[in-house]
Amino acid sequence: MKKILIGFISSLMIFCSIVSVSIAKEKNVDKREYNDFLITLLGSNIINTLDDYYGKPRSFEMKNAEVLEVRKIEEEGMYFIVTIRVRNFDKRTNNDYGIDTMTLANTSEGAQLLDFQHIKEPDSTSI
């Protein structure tokens, strides 16, 4: 769990420094590229959160993952709350799809899961 937390904090710190510099130089930031970049940085944290929640190996579709919100908690601090929605599946069977919305925060102890909501998708055989 410590590795997850340290990785999340490191990812957010790198992201913030890179975004600050790029926004200062380029005012026209592509929202999709911003979304993909953040999802890529947080990918291991997302997978670890899914694995912990389901208790078995899960994966998610990066191309359909979406950053819903990024909030800075303190104006002067480097603490953030990130809400992400992913479509996940069982890594072993490549089925059992679901949509999950997770809210993560970086703290002095590392990343913490604040909220997790799961929506089970219907089986394609039952449609």
N, C-alpha and C. Protein backbone atom coordinates (compact mmCIF):
# COMPACT_ATOMS: atom_id res chain seq x y z
N MET A 1 0.83 -1.19 0.00
CA MET A 1 0.00 0.00 0.00
C MET A 1 0.87 1.25 0.00
N LYS A 2 2.03 1.18 0.71
CA LYS A 2 2.93 2.34 0.74
C LYS A 2 3.44 2.66 -0.66
N LYS A 3 3.73 1.60 -1.45
CA LYS A 3 4.21 1.83 -2.81
C LYS A 3 3.16 2.56 -3.64
N ILE A 4 1.91 2.19 -3.45
CA ILE A 4 0.81 2.84 -4.17
C ILE A 4 0.76 4.31 -3.80
N LEU A 5 0.83 4.58 -2.52
CA LEU A 5 0.72 5.95 -2.03
C LEU A 5 1.89 6.80 -2.51
N ILE A 6 3.09 6.26 -2.41
CA ILE A 6 4.27 7.01 -2.85
C ILE A 6 4.21 7.24 -4.35
N GLY A 7 3.79 6.23 -5.10
CA GLY A 7 3.66 6.38 -6.55
C GLY A 7 2.65 7.44 -6.94
N PHE A 8 1.52 7.47 -6.22
CA PHE A 8 0.48 8.45 -6.50
C PHE A 8 0.98 9.87 -6.25
N ILE A 9 1.64 10.08 -5.11
CA ILE A 9 2.16 11.41 -4.78
C ILE A 9 3.20 11.83 -5.81
N SER A 10 4.10 10.93 -6.15
CA SER A 10 5.13 11.24 -7.14
C SER A 10 4.50 11.61 -8.48
N SER A 11 3.51 10.83 -8.89
CA SER A 11 2.83 11.11 -10.15
C SER A 11 2.18 12.48 -10.16
N LEU A 12 1.49 12.81 -9.07
CA LEU A 12 0.84 14.12 -9.01
C LEU A 12 1.84 15.26 -8.99
N MET A 13 2.95 15.09 -8.28
CA MET A 13 3.96 16.15 -8.23
C MET A 13 4.58 16.36 -9.61
N ILE A 14 4.90 15.27 -10.30
CA ILE A 14 5.45 15.39 -11.65
C ILE A 14 4.43 16.03 -12.57
N PHE A 15 3.20 15.57 -12.48
CA PHE A 15 2.14 16.12 -13.32
C PHE A 15 1.98 17.62 -13.11
N CYS A 16 1.93 18.05 -11.85
CA CYS A 16 1.73 19.48 -11.55
C CYS A 16 2.86 20.33 -12.10
N SER A 17 4.09 19.87 -11.95
CA SER A 17 5.21 20.66 -12.44
C SER A 17 5.22 20.73 -13.96
N ILE A 18 4.91 19.63 -14.62
CA ILE A 18 4.89 19.60 -16.08
C ILE A 18 3.74 20.44 -16.62
N VAL A 19 2.57 20.30 -16.03
CA VAL A 19 1.40 21.05 -16.50
C VAL A 19 1.60 22.55 -16.30
N SER A 20 2.18 22.94 -15.16
CA SER A 20 2.42 24.36 -14.90
C SER A 20 3.30 24.97 -15.98
N VAL A 21 4.38 24.30 -16.32
CA VAL A 21 5.30 24.79 -17.34
C VAL A 21 4.63 24.80 -18.71
N SER A 22 3.94 23.74 -19.06
CA SER A 22 3.33 23.67 -20.39
C SER A 22 2.18 24.66 -20.55
N ILE A 23 1.41 24.88 -19.50
CA ILE A 23 0.32 25.86 -19.58
C ILE A 23 0.88 27.26 -19.71
N ALA A 24 1.97 27.54 -19.02
CA ALA A 24 2.58 28.86 -19.11
C ALA A 24 3.07 29.13 -20.54
N LYS A 25 3.59 28.10 -21.22
CA LYS A 25 4.11 28.27 -22.57
C LYS A 25 3.02 28.18 -23.63
N GLU A 26 2.04 27.33 -23.41
CA GLU A 26 1.02 27.06 -24.41
C GLU A 26 -0.36 27.21 -23.78
N LYS A 27 -1.12 28.18 -24.25
CA LYS A 27 -2.44 28.43 -23.67
C LYS A 27 -3.50 27.51 -24.25
N ASN A 28 -3.26 26.96 -25.41
CA ASN A 28 -4.24 26.10 -26.06
C ASN A 28 -3.91 24.64 -25.77
N VAL A 29 -4.37 24.14 -24.60
CA VAL A 29 -4.09 22.77 -24.19
C VAL A 29 -5.24 21.88 -24.65
N ASP A 30 -4.90 20.80 -25.36
CA ASP A 30 -5.90 19.85 -25.82
C ASP A 30 -6.42 19.05 -24.64
N LYS A 31 -7.73 19.09 -24.41
CA LYS A 31 -8.32 18.42 -23.26
C LYS A 31 -8.12 16.91 -23.30
N ARG A 32 -8.21 16.31 -24.48
CA ARG A 32 -8.04 14.85 -24.59
C ARG A 32 -6.61 14.45 -24.25
N GLU A 33 -5.63 15.22 -24.72
CA GLU A 33 -4.23 14.93 -24.40
C GLU A 33 -3.97 15.09 -22.91
N TYR A 34 -4.53 16.12 -22.30
CA TYR A 34 -4.41 16.34 -20.86
C TYR A 34 -5.00 15.14 -20.11
N ASN A 35 -6.18 14.70 -20.51
CA ASN A 35 -6.86 13.56 -19.90
C ASN A 35 -5.99 12.29 -20.03
N ASP A 36 -5.51 12.01 -21.24
CA ASP A 36 -4.70 10.82 -21.49
C ASP A 36 -3.40 10.84 -20.69
N PHE A 37 -2.79 12.01 -20.60
CA PHE A 37 -1.55 12.14 -19.85
C PHE A 37 -1.76 11.83 -18.37
N LEU A 38 -2.80 12.39 -17.79
CA LEU A 38 -3.07 12.17 -16.37
C LEU A 38 -3.45 10.71 -16.11
N ILE A 39 -4.25 10.11 -16.98
CA ILE A 39 -4.62 8.69 -16.82
C ILE A 39 -3.37 7.82 -16.91
N THR A 40 -2.46 8.14 -17.82
CA THR A 40 -1.22 7.37 -17.95
C THR A 40 -0.39 7.46 -16.68
N LEU A 41 -0.27 8.67 -16.13
CA LEU A 41 0.50 8.84 -14.89
C LEU A 41 -0.12 8.09 -13.72
N LEU A 42 -1.43 8.08 -13.65
CA LEU A 42 -2.12 7.46 -12.52
C LEU A 42 -2.49 6.00 -12.77
N GLY A 43 -2.11 5.46 -13.92
CA GLY A 43 -2.51 4.11 -14.30
C GLY A 43 -2.24 3.04 -13.26
N SER A 44 -1.05 3.01 -12.69
CA SER A 44 -0.74 1.98 -11.69
C SER A 44 -1.57 2.16 -10.43
N ASN A 45 -1.84 3.41 -10.05
CA ASN A 45 -2.70 3.66 -8.88
C ASN A 45 -4.13 3.21 -9.14
N ILE A 46 -4.60 3.42 -10.36
CA ILE A 46 -5.96 3.00 -10.72
C ILE A 46 -6.06 1.47 -10.68
N ILE A 47 -5.09 0.79 -11.26
CA ILE A 47 -5.11 -0.68 -11.27
C ILE A 47 -5.03 -1.23 -9.85
N ASN A 48 -4.15 -0.66 -9.02
CA ASN A 48 -4.04 -1.13 -7.63
C ASN A 48 -5.34 -0.90 -6.87
N THR A 49 -6.01 0.22 -7.11
CA THR A 49 -7.29 0.49 -6.46
C THR A 49 -8.34 -0.53 -6.91
N LEU A 50 -8.38 -0.83 -8.21
CA LEU A 50 -9.32 -1.84 -8.73
C LEU A 50 -9.03 -3.21 -8.13
N ASP A 51 -7.76 -3.60 -8.10
CA ASP A 51 -7.37 -4.91 -7.54
C ASP A 51 -7.77 -5.01 -6.07
N ASP A 52 -7.54 -3.94 -5.30
CA ASP A 52 -7.91 -3.93 -3.88
C ASP A 52 -9.42 -4.04 -3.71
N TYR A 53 -10.17 -3.31 -4.52
CA TYR A 53 -11.63 -3.29 -4.40
C TYR A 53 -12.23 -4.66 -4.74
N TYR A 54 -11.78 -5.25 -5.85
CA TYR A 54 -12.36 -6.50 -6.32
C TYR A 54 -11.70 -7.74 -5.71
N GLY A 55 -10.50 -7.59 -5.19
CA GLY A 55 -9.80 -8.71 -4.59
C GLY A 55 -9.24 -9.69 -5.61
N LYS A 56 -9.16 -9.26 -6.86
CA LYS A 56 -8.59 -10.09 -7.92
C LYS A 56 -8.05 -9.16 -9.00
N PRO A 57 -7.18 -9.68 -9.88
CA PRO A 57 -6.57 -8.81 -10.89
C PRO A 57 -7.60 -8.20 -11.85
N ARG A 58 -7.58 -6.89 -11.95
CA ARG A 58 -8.46 -6.15 -12.86
C ARG A 58 -7.60 -5.28 -13.75
N SER A 59 -8.17 -4.87 -14.84
CA SER A 59 -7.53 -3.92 -15.73
C SER A 59 -8.59 -2.94 -16.20
N PHE A 60 -8.18 -1.92 -16.93
CA PHE A 60 -9.16 -0.95 -17.43
C PHE A 60 -8.76 -0.47 -18.81
N GLU A 61 -9.74 0.04 -19.53
CA GLU A 61 -9.52 0.54 -20.88
C GLU A 61 -9.02 1.98 -20.80
N MET A 62 -7.74 2.17 -21.07
CA MET A 62 -7.16 3.51 -20.97
C MET A 62 -7.80 4.49 -21.95
N LYS A 63 -8.15 4.01 -23.14
CA LYS A 63 -8.70 4.92 -24.15
C LYS A 63 -10.07 5.47 -23.75
N ASN A 64 -10.79 4.77 -22.88
CA ASN A 64 -12.10 5.23 -22.44
C ASN A 64 -12.10 5.81 -21.02
N ALA A 65 -10.94 5.83 -20.38
CA ALA A 65 -10.86 6.40 -19.03
C ALA A 65 -11.01 7.91 -19.11
N GLU A 66 -11.60 8.46 -18.08
CA GLU A 66 -11.91 9.89 -18.12
C GLU A 66 -11.62 10.55 -16.77
N VAL A 67 -10.90 11.66 -16.81
CA VAL A 67 -10.69 12.47 -15.62
C VAL A 67 -11.90 13.38 -15.50
N LEU A 68 -12.67 13.20 -14.44
CA LEU A 68 -13.88 14.00 -14.26
C LEU A 68 -13.59 15.32 -13.57
N GLU A 69 -12.62 15.28 -12.64
CA GLU A 69 -12.34 16.50 -11.88
C GLU A 69 -10.96 16.40 -11.22
N VAL A 70 -10.26 17.53 -11.19
CA VAL A 70 -9.04 17.68 -10.42
C VAL A 70 -9.22 18.94 -9.59
N ARG A 71 -9.12 18.77 -8.27
CA ARG A 71 -9.28 19.92 -7.38
C ARG A 71 -8.05 20.06 -6.50
N LYS A 72 -7.56 21.27 -6.38
CA LYS A 72 -6.47 21.56 -5.46
C LYS A 72 -7.11 21.89 -4.12
N ILE A 73 -6.65 21.21 -3.06
CA ILE A 73 -7.28 21.37 -1.76
C ILE A 73 -6.88 22.69 -1.11
N GLU A 74 -5.60 23.01 -1.17
CA GLU A 74 -5.10 24.25 -0.58
C GLU A 74 -4.41 25.05 -1.67
N GLU A 75 -4.64 26.35 -1.69
CA GLU A 75 -4.05 27.20 -2.72
C GLU A 75 -2.52 27.13 -2.70
N GLU A 76 -1.94 27.15 -1.51
CA GLU A 76 -0.48 27.14 -1.38
C GLU A 76 0.11 25.73 -1.32
N GLY A 77 -0.71 24.74 -1.06
CA GLY A 77 -0.22 23.37 -0.89
C GLY A 77 -0.18 22.59 -2.19
N MET A 78 0.26 21.37 -2.07
CA MET A 78 0.35 20.47 -3.23
C MET A 78 -0.53 19.24 -3.02
N TYR A 79 -1.69 19.45 -2.43
CA TYR A 79 -2.63 18.36 -2.18
C TYR A 79 -3.80 18.48 -3.15
N PHE A 80 -4.15 17.35 -3.77
CA PHE A 80 -5.17 17.34 -4.80
C PHE A 80 -6.17 16.21 -4.57
N ILE A 81 -7.36 16.41 -5.09
CA ILE A 81 -8.37 15.36 -5.15
C ILE A 81 -8.68 15.15 -6.63
N VAL A 82 -8.60 13.90 -7.07
CA VAL A 82 -8.81 13.55 -8.48
C VAL A 82 -9.95 12.55 -8.56
N THR A 83 -10.93 12.83 -9.42
CA THR A 83 -12.03 11.89 -9.65
C THR A 83 -11.90 11.36 -11.08
N ILE A 84 -11.91 10.02 -11.18
CA ILE A 84 -11.66 9.34 -12.45
C ILE A 84 -12.74 8.30 -12.68
N ARG A 85 -13.17 8.14 -13.94
CA ARG A 85 -14.12 7.09 -14.31
C ARG A 85 -13.43 6.15 -15.30
N VAL A 86 -13.50 4.85 -15.01
CA VAL A 86 -12.88 3.86 -15.89
C VAL A 86 -13.85 2.72 -16.16
N ARG A 87 -13.67 2.07 -17.31
CA ARG A 87 -14.40 0.84 -17.63
C ARG A 87 -13.40 -0.28 -17.40
N ASN A 88 -13.68 -1.12 -16.42
CA ASN A 88 -12.73 -2.16 -16.04
C ASN A 88 -13.24 -3.54 -16.41
N PHE A 89 -12.34 -4.51 -16.35
CA PHE A 89 -12.70 -5.90 -16.66
C PHE A 89 -11.77 -6.84 -15.92
N ASP A 90 -12.22 -8.09 -15.80
CA ASP A 90 -11.43 -9.14 -15.15
C ASP A 90 -10.23 -9.45 -16.04
N LYS A 91 -9.05 -9.30 -15.49
CA LYS A 91 -7.82 -9.47 -16.27
C LYS A 91 -7.62 -10.92 -16.74
N ARG A 92 -8.10 -11.87 -15.96
CA ARG A 92 -7.89 -13.29 -16.30
C ARG A 92 -8.85 -13.77 -17.38
N THR A 93 -10.10 -13.34 -17.33
CA THR A 93 -11.11 -13.85 -18.26
C THR A 93 -11.47 -12.85 -19.36
N ASN A 94 -11.00 -11.62 -19.22
CA ASN A 94 -11.28 -10.56 -20.19
C ASN A 94 -12.78 -10.30 -20.35
N ASN A 95 -13.53 -10.49 -19.26
CA ASN A 95 -14.95 -10.15 -19.27
C ASN A 95 -15.34 -9.61 -17.90
N ASP A 96 -16.61 -9.65 -17.56
CA ASP A 96 -17.10 -9.11 -16.29
C ASP A 96 -16.82 -7.61 -16.22
N TYR A 97 -17.32 -6.92 -17.22
CA TYR A 97 -17.09 -5.48 -17.32
C TYR A 97 -17.88 -4.71 -16.27
N GLY A 98 -17.34 -3.56 -15.89
CA GLY A 98 -18.03 -2.66 -14.99
C GLY A 98 -17.47 -1.26 -15.17
N ILE A 99 -18.24 -0.29 -14.74
CA ILE A 99 -17.79 1.10 -14.79
C ILE A 99 -17.59 1.55 -13.35
N ASP A 100 -16.42 2.09 -13.08
CA ASP A 100 -16.10 2.53 -11.73
C ASP A 100 -15.70 3.99 -11.74
N THR A 101 -16.19 4.70 -10.74
CA THR A 101 -15.78 6.07 -10.52
C THR A 101 -15.05 6.09 -9.19
N MET A 102 -13.82 6.57 -9.21
CA MET A 102 -13.03 6.61 -7.97
C MET A 102 -12.51 8.01 -7.73
N THR A 103 -12.47 8.37 -6.46
CA THR A 103 -11.92 9.65 -6.05
C THR A 103 -10.71 9.37 -5.18
N LEU A 104 -9.56 9.88 -5.63
CA LEU A 104 -8.30 9.68 -4.93
C LEU A 104 -7.78 11.02 -4.44
N ALA A 105 -7.08 11.00 -3.31
CA ALA A 105 -6.45 12.21 -2.79
C ALA A 105 -5.01 11.88 -2.42
N ASN A 106 -4.12 12.82 -2.67
CA ASN A 106 -2.77 12.64 -2.17
C ASN A 106 -2.67 13.38 -0.84
N THR A 107 -2.08 12.72 0.14
CA THR A 107 -1.91 13.29 1.48
C THR A 107 -0.46 13.11 1.88
N SER A 108 -0.12 13.58 3.08
CA SER A 108 1.26 13.40 3.55
C SER A 108 1.60 11.93 3.72
N GLU A 109 0.59 11.07 3.91
CA GLU A 109 0.82 9.63 4.02
C GLU A 109 0.79 8.94 2.65
N GLY A 110 0.45 9.66 1.60
CA GLY A 110 0.36 9.10 0.27
C GLY A 110 -1.06 9.15 -0.26
N ALA A 111 -1.33 8.36 -1.29
CA ALA A 111 -2.65 8.36 -1.92
C ALA A 111 -3.66 7.65 -1.05
N GLN A 112 -4.86 8.21 -1.01
CA GLN A 112 -5.95 7.58 -0.27
C GLN A 112 -7.19 7.55 -1.15
N LEU A 113 -7.89 6.44 -1.08
CA LEU A 113 -9.15 6.31 -1.79
C LEU A 113 -10.23 6.97 -0.95
N LEU A 114 -10.88 7.99 -1.48
CA LEU A 114 -11.93 8.69 -0.75
C LEU A 114 -13.31 8.12 -1.06
N ASP A 115 -13.50 7.71 -2.31
CA ASP A 115 -14.82 7.21 -2.71
C ASP A 115 -14.65 6.26 -3.89
N PHE A 116 -15.51 5.24 -3.93
CA PHE A 116 -15.48 4.27 -5.03
C PHE A 116 -16.91 3.87 -5.33
N GLN A 117 -17.33 4.06 -6.58
CA GLN A 117 -18.68 3.69 -6.99
C GLN A 117 -18.58 2.75 -8.19
N HIS A 118 -19.31 1.63 -8.11
CA HIS A 118 -19.28 0.62 -9.16
C HIS A 118 -20.65 0.51 -9.82
N ILE A 119 -20.65 0.43 -11.15
CA ILE A 119 -21.87 0.16 -11.92
C ILE A 119 -21.59 -1.08 -12.75
N LYS A 120 -22.32 -2.15 -12.50
CA LYS A 120 -22.13 -3.39 -13.26
C LYS A 120 -22.78 -3.25 -14.62
N GLU A 121 -22.03 -3.56 -15.66
CA GLU A 121 -22.57 -3.53 -17.01
C GLU A 121 -23.28 -4.84 -17.29
N PRO A 122 -24.38 -4.81 -18.04
CA PRO A 122 -25.08 -6.07 -18.36
C PRO A 122 -24.23 -6.94 -19.28
N ASP A 123 -24.38 -8.25 -19.15
CA ASP A 123 -23.71 -9.20 -20.04
C ASP A 123 -24.19 -8.97 -21.46
N SER A 124 -23.28 -9.06 -22.41
CA SER A 124 -23.70 -8.91 -23.80
C SER A 124 -24.61 -10.07 -24.23
N THR A 125 -24.51 -11.21 -23.53
CA THR A 125 -25.37 -12.35 -23.87
C THR A 125 -26.80 -12.14 -23.38
N SER A 126 -26.99 -11.26 -22.40
CA SER A 126 -28.33 -11.04 -21.87
C SER A 126 -29.04 -9.86 -22.53
N ILE A 127 -28.37 -9.21 -23.46
CA ILE A 127 -28.97 -8.05 -24.13
C ILE A 127 -29.76 -8.49 -25.33
